[in-house]
Amino acid sequence: MAKDTLLRQWATLELIPREPAKHSTSTITTRLKDLGHDVSVRTVQRDLVQLSAYFAFSSEEEGRSYLWFWPKLSKGLQLPLPDGPTSLALILAEEHLKPLLPPATLELLSPALAGAEHALTQKNPELAEWKDKVRVVSSGPALSPASVDSKIQRTVYNALLNDLQIEIEYRARYRDDISRYTISPLGLISRDGLIYLLVVGPYEPFQLALHRITSALMLGTAATPPDGFTLEGYVNNNSSSEPEPAKIRLKIRMKGFAAKLLLERPLSSDQHIEADPNEDDWMIITATVRETNDLKWWLQSYGRWVEVVEPPALRKQFKKIVRAMKRLYK
């Protein structure tokens, strides 16, 4: 068999998806051309028929065409098992990226992940124990993940992948009624174990908690992102629909043990720390920062170990918070 034919047929096998995904002969032909293979639909059809005699993939008729796929329970195209470090990287990546990957992609990865598990236990048993020796934890209590409907997740991810609008029904956190939106999905944001769908629709870019979407219908109309929009730019602006949060000169008093964190990880390049001359074991920190919700949540997390001194407007906000908490705990 000529080298070009062998490479083309191997690429053809790799392009066959695992059920429930299915590719037509013309789709496989187009993707082969994208990979640099000069082929016709007739050639690919002939290759698929020949290969089906040796590999356990299936097909079904759809009109005048055929749809090709690996059955869910088949082993698919068997590749050599990855080495130990690669297997470990695959397993750890799947654990942390699972909420963000399209469901169809996860299904396609399942044979590779199974192979990685097998490779670890067979080739590198010492590395197999590594995943039991590392954990990623959050700063707060370990809340259980929110339940996301798999069908809704598939629809939303497919719409995002293909840049299509979706019609959704959504139940907000503090309301019992359901709102209906036609939206253009812009991206996914993972925060504290929750997945947020960034969209544009009746408002400027805003976030919807994926688990609060109660129904989703993918439309045939193209998504319409704002001019110049990038997900990175949105996130760098503190996930705010405002152009950019204002900079402030923050001045705080902080208990000594807590202030040590800012010696290791400064708030800004112009941060300045000095001992409080009026009280032992307290520090005064000044830094130029952006006045964001994340900053306020961070300051609140230190409770009685931090005092906001300046700017006056921010100090006033924290006074209101303290008074409200005092009413709760009186």
Protein backbone atom coordinates (compact mmCIF):
# COMPACT_ATOMS: atom_id res chain seq x y z
CA MET A 1 0.00 0.00 0.00
CA ALA A 2 1.38 3.43 -0.95
CA LYS A 3 2.49 5.66 1.93
CA ASP A 4 -0.01 8.40 0.99
CA THR A 5 -2.87 5.90 1.00
CA LEU A 6 -1.83 4.52 4.39
CA LEU A 7 -1.65 7.99 5.93
CA ARG A 8 -5.00 8.96 4.41
CA GLN A 9 -6.76 5.86 5.68
CA TRP A 10 -5.23 6.25 9.14
CA ALA A 11 -6.45 9.86 9.23
CA THR A 12 -9.88 8.64 8.09
CA LEU A 13 -10.10 6.27 11.06
CA GLU A 14 -9.14 9.07 13.44
CA LEU A 15 -11.92 11.29 12.04
CA ILE A 16 -14.68 8.79 12.78
CA PRO A 17 -16.41 10.02 15.99
CA ARG A 18 -17.73 7.96 18.86
CA GLU A 19 -21.50 7.55 19.20
CA PRO A 20 -23.74 9.55 19.62
CA ALA A 21 -21.73 11.81 17.29
CA LYS A 22 -21.75 10.69 13.64
CA HIS A 23 -20.02 12.04 10.52
CA SER A 24 -21.19 11.77 6.94
CA THR A 25 -18.83 10.75 4.16
CA SER A 26 -18.78 14.31 2.84
CA THR A 27 -17.87 15.68 6.30
CA ILE A 28 -14.96 13.24 6.60
CA THR A 29 -13.87 14.18 3.06
CA THR A 30 -13.88 17.89 3.92
CA ARG A 31 -11.82 17.32 7.07
CA LEU A 32 -9.33 15.15 5.17
CA LYS A 33 -8.89 17.99 2.67
CA ASP A 34 -8.30 20.36 5.59
CA LEU A 35 -5.49 18.00 6.67
CA GLY A 36 -3.92 18.24 3.21
CA HIS A 37 -5.24 15.04 1.59
CA ASP A 38 -6.34 15.39 -2.04
CA VAL A 39 -9.40 13.10 -2.06
CA SER A 40 -12.89 12.82 -3.48
CA VAL A 41 -16.07 11.69 -1.74
CA ARG A 42 -15.98 8.52 -3.84
CA THR A 43 -12.44 7.68 -2.69
CA VAL A 44 -13.33 8.22 0.97
CA GLN A 45 -16.48 6.12 0.59
CA ARG A 46 -14.39 3.29 -0.88
CA ASP A 47 -11.82 3.60 1.93
CA LEU A 48 -14.53 3.46 4.60
CA VAL A 49 -16.09 0.35 3.11
CA GLN A 50 -12.69 -1.38 2.96
CA LEU A 51 -11.69 -0.35 6.46
CA SER A 52 -15.03 -1.45 7.94
CA ALA A 53 -14.01 -5.04 7.20
CA TYR A 54 -11.06 -4.73 9.62
CA PHE A 55 -12.22 -2.19 12.22
CA ALA A 56 -15.37 -2.26 14.37
CA PHE A 57 -16.91 1.06 13.37
CA SER A 58 -20.48 1.25 12.09
CA SER A 59 -22.61 3.17 9.63
CA GLU A 60 -26.24 3.99 9.03
CA GLU A 61 -28.07 5.38 6.03
CA GLU A 62 -29.43 8.90 6.04
CA GLY A 63 -31.07 9.74 2.76
CA ARG A 64 -28.49 9.21 0.02
CA SER A 65 -25.56 9.36 2.38
CA TYR A 66 -24.04 7.26 5.16
CA LEU A 67 -23.19 8.32 8.69
CA TRP A 68 -20.09 6.74 10.25
CA PHE A 69 -19.32 6.26 13.95
CA TRP A 70 -17.60 4.09 16.55
CA PRO A 71 -20.23 2.38 18.75
CA LYS A 72 -20.22 3.54 22.38
CA LEU A 73 -18.98 0.21 23.75
CA SER A 74 -16.31 -0.39 21.10
CA LYS A 75 -12.66 0.18 21.88
CA GLY A 76 -12.38 2.47 18.88
CA LEU A 77 -9.08 3.03 17.12
CA GLN A 78 -6.51 1.46 19.43
CA LEU A 79 -3.37 3.54 19.88
CA PRO A 80 -0.29 2.66 21.95
CA LEU A 81 -0.82 3.38 25.64
CA PRO A 82 0.67 6.72 26.73
CA ASP A 83 3.67 6.80 29.06
CA GLY A 84 3.27 7.33 32.80
CA PRO A 85 3.72 11.13 32.99
CA THR A 86 1.39 11.68 30.02
CA SER A 87 -1.22 9.37 31.57
CA LEU A 88 -1.04 11.22 34.89
CA ALA A 89 -1.40 14.59 33.14
CA LEU A 90 -4.47 13.34 31.25
CA ILE A 91 -6.17 12.10 34.41
CA LEU A 92 -5.48 15.25 36.43
CA ALA A 93 -6.53 17.48 33.52
CA GLU A 94 -9.82 15.60 33.11
CA GLU A 95 -10.61 15.99 36.80
CA HIS A 96 -10.31 19.77 36.71
CA LEU A 97 -11.46 20.51 33.14
CA LYS A 98 -14.48 18.20 33.09
CA PRO A 99 -17.03 21.00 33.83
CA LEU A 100 -15.66 23.12 30.98
CA LEU A 101 -15.31 20.52 28.22
CA PRO A 102 -18.17 19.93 25.76
CA PRO A 103 -19.93 16.64 26.63
CA ALA A 104 -19.21 15.22 23.17
CA THR A 105 -15.50 15.87 23.71
CA LEU A 106 -15.60 14.07 27.05
CA GLU A 107 -17.21 11.07 25.38
CA LEU A 108 -14.46 11.02 22.74
CA LEU A 109 -11.81 11.24 25.47
CA SER A 110 -13.19 8.36 27.52
CA PRO A 111 -11.17 5.65 25.71
CA ALA A 112 -7.97 7.69 26.10
CA LEU A 113 -8.69 8.23 29.79
CA ALA A 114 -9.35 4.54 30.31
CA GLY A 115 -6.06 3.79 28.56
CA ALA A 116 -4.29 6.33 30.75
CA GLU A 117 -5.61 4.68 33.92
CA HIS A 118 -4.47 1.28 32.66
CA ALA A 119 -1.05 2.63 31.67
CA LEU A 120 -0.50 4.13 35.11
CA THR A 121 -1.31 0.96 37.01
CA GLN A 122 0.63 -1.28 34.61
CA LYS A 123 3.67 0.83 33.72
CA ASN A 124 4.10 3.35 36.55
CA PRO A 125 2.34 2.16 39.74
CA GLU A 126 4.28 4.75 41.77
CA LEU A 127 2.83 7.57 39.63
CA ALA A 128 -0.65 6.08 40.01
CA GLU A 129 -0.50 7.10 43.68
CA TRP A 130 0.33 10.72 42.84
CA LYS A 131 -3.29 11.66 42.14
CA ASP A 132 -4.10 10.60 45.71
CA LYS A 133 -1.41 12.95 47.05
CA VAL A 134 -2.57 16.25 45.53
CA ARG A 135 -5.77 18.22 46.04
CA VAL A 136 -7.07 21.60 44.89
CA VAL A 137 -9.02 23.37 47.63
CA SER A 138 -10.90 26.65 47.80
CA SER A 139 -10.61 29.31 50.46
CA GLY A 140 -14.16 28.68 51.68
CA PRO A 141 -16.10 25.55 52.67
CA ALA A 142 -16.16 22.73 50.16
CA LEU A 143 -19.63 23.16 48.69
CA SER A 144 -21.13 20.39 46.60
CA PRO A 145 -21.20 21.17 42.86
CA ALA A 146 -24.47 22.51 41.48
CA SER A 147 -26.46 20.04 39.40
CA VAL A 148 -26.52 20.86 35.67
CA ASP A 149 -28.97 19.16 33.30
CA SER A 150 -26.84 17.21 30.79
CA LYS A 151 -29.16 17.95 27.83
CA ILE A 152 -29.13 21.68 28.59
CA GLN A 153 -25.36 21.61 28.98
CA ARG A 154 -24.96 19.86 25.62
CA THR A 155 -27.21 22.39 23.87
CA VAL A 156 -25.46 25.38 25.43
CA TYR A 157 -21.95 24.08 24.71
CA ASN A 158 -22.86 23.20 21.11
CA ALA A 159 -24.31 26.68 20.57
CA LEU A 160 -21.17 28.26 22.02
CA LEU A 161 -18.94 26.03 19.90
CA ASN A 162 -20.84 26.83 16.69
CA ASP A 163 -21.50 30.54 17.41
CA LEU A 164 -25.29 30.19 17.36
CA GLN A 165 -27.99 31.93 19.37
CA ILE A 166 -30.07 30.02 21.91
CA GLU A 167 -33.44 30.59 23.50
CA ILE A 168 -33.39 29.82 27.21
CA GLU A 169 -35.60 29.86 30.26
CA TYR A 170 -33.81 31.02 33.40
CA ARG A 171 -34.64 31.11 37.10
CA ALA A 172 -32.69 33.82 38.95
CA ARG A 173 -31.32 33.14 42.41
CA TYR A 174 -33.72 35.36 44.32
CA ARG A 175 -36.85 34.93 42.16
CA ASP A 176 -39.32 32.09 41.73
CA ASP A 177 -40.60 33.12 38.30
CA ILE A 178 -38.82 32.10 35.10
CA SER A 179 -37.51 34.59 32.53
CA ARG A 180 -37.14 33.80 28.83
CA TYR A 181 -34.20 35.20 26.85
CA THR A 182 -32.84 34.91 23.33
CA ILE A 183 -29.11 35.19 23.82
CA SER A 184 -25.77 34.94 22.05
CA PRO A 185 -23.32 32.86 24.11
CA LEU A 186 -19.88 34.47 24.40
CA GLY A 187 -17.93 32.16 26.70
CA LEU A 188 -17.74 30.12 29.89
CA ILE A 189 -16.33 31.32 33.21
CA SER A 190 -15.52 28.93 36.05
CA ARG A 191 -15.64 30.48 39.51
CA ASP A 192 -15.61 28.71 42.87
CA GLY A 193 -16.90 25.44 41.46
CA LEU A 194 -19.71 27.03 39.43
CA ILE A 195 -19.91 27.47 35.66
CA TYR A 196 -21.23 30.80 34.36
CA LEU A 197 -22.33 31.36 30.78
CA LEU A 198 -21.35 34.81 29.54
CA VAL A 199 -23.98 36.06 27.10
CA VAL A 200 -25.27 39.12 25.31
CA GLY A 201 -28.97 39.54 24.70
CA PRO A 202 -31.44 41.95 26.26
CA TYR A 203 -28.52 43.54 28.14
CA GLU A 204 -24.83 44.16 27.61
CA PRO A 205 -22.57 41.15 28.40
CA PHE A 206 -23.87 39.50 31.56
CA GLN A 207 -23.43 36.16 33.30
CA LEU A 208 -25.94 33.36 33.82
CA ALA A 209 -25.31 30.46 36.19
CA LEU A 210 -25.43 27.35 34.03
CA HIS A 211 -27.31 25.33 36.65
CA ARG A 212 -30.14 27.90 36.75
CA ILE A 213 -30.99 27.48 33.06
CA THR A 214 -34.17 25.38 33.02
CA SER A 215 -34.47 24.90 29.24
CA ALA A 216 -32.36 25.64 26.18
CA LEU A 217 -33.17 25.58 22.46
CA MET A 218 -30.44 26.14 19.88
CA LEU A 219 -31.56 28.48 17.10
CA GLY A 220 -30.35 28.64 13.52
CA THR A 221 -29.34 32.29 13.78
CA ALA A 222 -25.74 33.37 14.19
CA ALA A 223 -24.57 34.73 17.54
CA THR A 224 -23.89 38.47 17.63
CA PRO A 225 -20.99 39.34 19.96
CA PRO A 226 -20.28 43.02 20.67
CA ASP A 227 -17.72 44.73 18.42
CA GLY A 228 -14.20 44.10 19.65
CA PHE A 229 -15.32 41.70 22.37
CA THR A 230 -12.81 39.21 23.78
CA LEU A 231 -13.36 36.91 26.73
CA GLU A 232 -9.88 37.69 28.03
CA GLY A 233 -10.60 41.42 27.98
CA TYR A 234 -13.88 40.89 29.84
CA VAL A 235 -12.26 38.77 32.54
CA ASN A 236 -9.30 41.15 32.90
CA ASN A 237 -11.80 43.92 33.59
CA ASN A 238 -12.98 41.92 36.61
CA SER A 239 -15.93 40.34 34.80
CA SER A 240 -17.72 43.64 34.72
CA SER A 241 -19.83 45.06 31.92
CA GLU A 242 -18.32 48.47 32.73
CA PRO A 243 -15.43 49.52 30.46
CA GLU A 244 -12.97 49.21 33.36
CA PRO A 245 -13.31 49.59 37.16
CA ALA A 246 -11.81 52.82 38.50
CA LYS A 247 -8.43 52.87 40.19
CA ILE A 248 -8.27 53.94 43.82
CA ARG A 249 -5.51 54.51 46.33
CA LEU A 250 -6.40 51.94 48.96
CA LYS A 251 -5.24 52.41 52.55
CA ILE A 252 -5.97 49.71 55.11
CA ARG A 253 -4.89 48.70 58.61
CA MET A 254 -4.22 44.99 58.90
CA LYS A 255 -3.29 42.62 61.70
CA GLY A 256 0.36 41.62 61.46
CA PHE A 257 -0.12 37.91 60.75
CA ALA A 258 -2.57 38.68 57.94
CA ALA A 259 -0.37 41.41 56.46
CA LYS A 260 2.43 38.87 55.97
CA LEU A 261 0.49 37.48 53.02
CA LEU A 262 0.87 40.83 51.26
CA LEU A 263 4.63 40.71 51.77
CA GLU A 264 4.63 37.51 49.70
CA ARG A 265 1.91 38.51 47.23
CA PRO A 266 1.62 42.33 46.94
CA LEU A 267 -1.63 44.04 46.00
CA SER A 268 0.20 46.19 43.43
CA SER A 269 3.66 47.16 42.25
CA ASP A 270 3.49 50.38 44.29
CA GLN A 271 2.36 48.69 47.51
CA HIS A 272 3.86 50.14 50.70
CA ILE A 273 3.74 48.47 54.14
CA GLU A 274 4.76 50.04 57.43
CA ALA A 275 4.15 49.36 61.10
CA ASP A 276 1.20 51.16 62.68
CA PRO A 277 2.77 53.63 65.17
CA ASN A 278 -0.39 53.65 67.29
CA GLU A 279 -0.92 49.93 67.81
CA ASP A 280 1.46 47.00 68.13
CA ASP A 281 1.23 44.09 65.68
CA TRP A 282 -0.80 46.09 63.18
CA MET A 283 0.43 47.23 59.77
CA ILE A 284 -0.63 50.04 57.45
CA ILE A 285 -0.79 49.08 53.77
CA THR A 286 -1.29 51.43 50.83
CA ALA A 287 -1.61 50.33 47.21
CA THR A 288 -3.15 51.44 43.93
CA VAL A 289 -5.88 48.94 42.98
CA ARG A 290 -9.09 48.77 41.00
CA GLU A 291 -12.29 49.12 43.01
CA THR A 292 -13.92 45.83 42.14
CA ASN A 293 -16.42 43.55 43.80
CA ASP A 294 -13.64 40.98 44.20
CA LEU A 295 -11.60 43.53 46.17
CA LYS A 296 -14.52 44.19 48.51
CA TRP A 297 -15.20 40.49 49.03
CA TRP A 298 -11.50 39.96 49.76
CA LEU A 299 -11.46 42.75 52.35
CA GLN A 300 -14.62 41.40 54.00
CA SER A 301 -13.07 37.95 54.26
CA TYR A 302 -10.57 39.25 56.86
CA GLY A 303 -13.33 40.46 59.18
CA ARG A 304 -11.96 42.10 62.32
CA TRP A 305 -8.36 41.74 61.15
CA VAL A 306 -8.65 44.56 58.58
CA GLU A 307 -9.88 48.17 58.67
CA VAL A 308 -10.51 50.20 55.52
CA VAL A 309 -9.09 53.70 56.09
CA GLU A 310 -9.23 55.26 52.62
CA PRO A 311 -10.75 56.19 50.26
CA PRO A 312 -13.60 57.75 52.31
CA ALA A 313 -16.35 56.39 50.01
CA LEU A 314 -15.14 52.81 50.41
CA ARG A 315 -14.76 53.25 54.18
CA LYS A 316 -18.38 54.49 54.27
CA GLN A 317 -19.53 51.32 52.49
CA PHE A 318 -17.78 49.14 55.07
CA LYS A 319 -19.31 51.11 57.92
CA LYS A 320 -22.75 50.24 56.53
CA ILE A 321 -21.75 46.58 56.33
CA VAL A 322 -20.52 46.61 59.95
CA ARG A 323 -23.72 48.27 61.19
CA ALA A 324 -25.84 45.71 59.36
CA MET A 325 -23.83 42.84 60.87
CA LYS A 326 -24.10 44.40 64.34
CA ARG A 327 -27.90 44.36 64.04
CA LEU A 328 -27.75 40.68 63.18
CA TYR A 329 -25.52 39.75 66.11
CA LYS A 330 -26.83 42.04 68.83
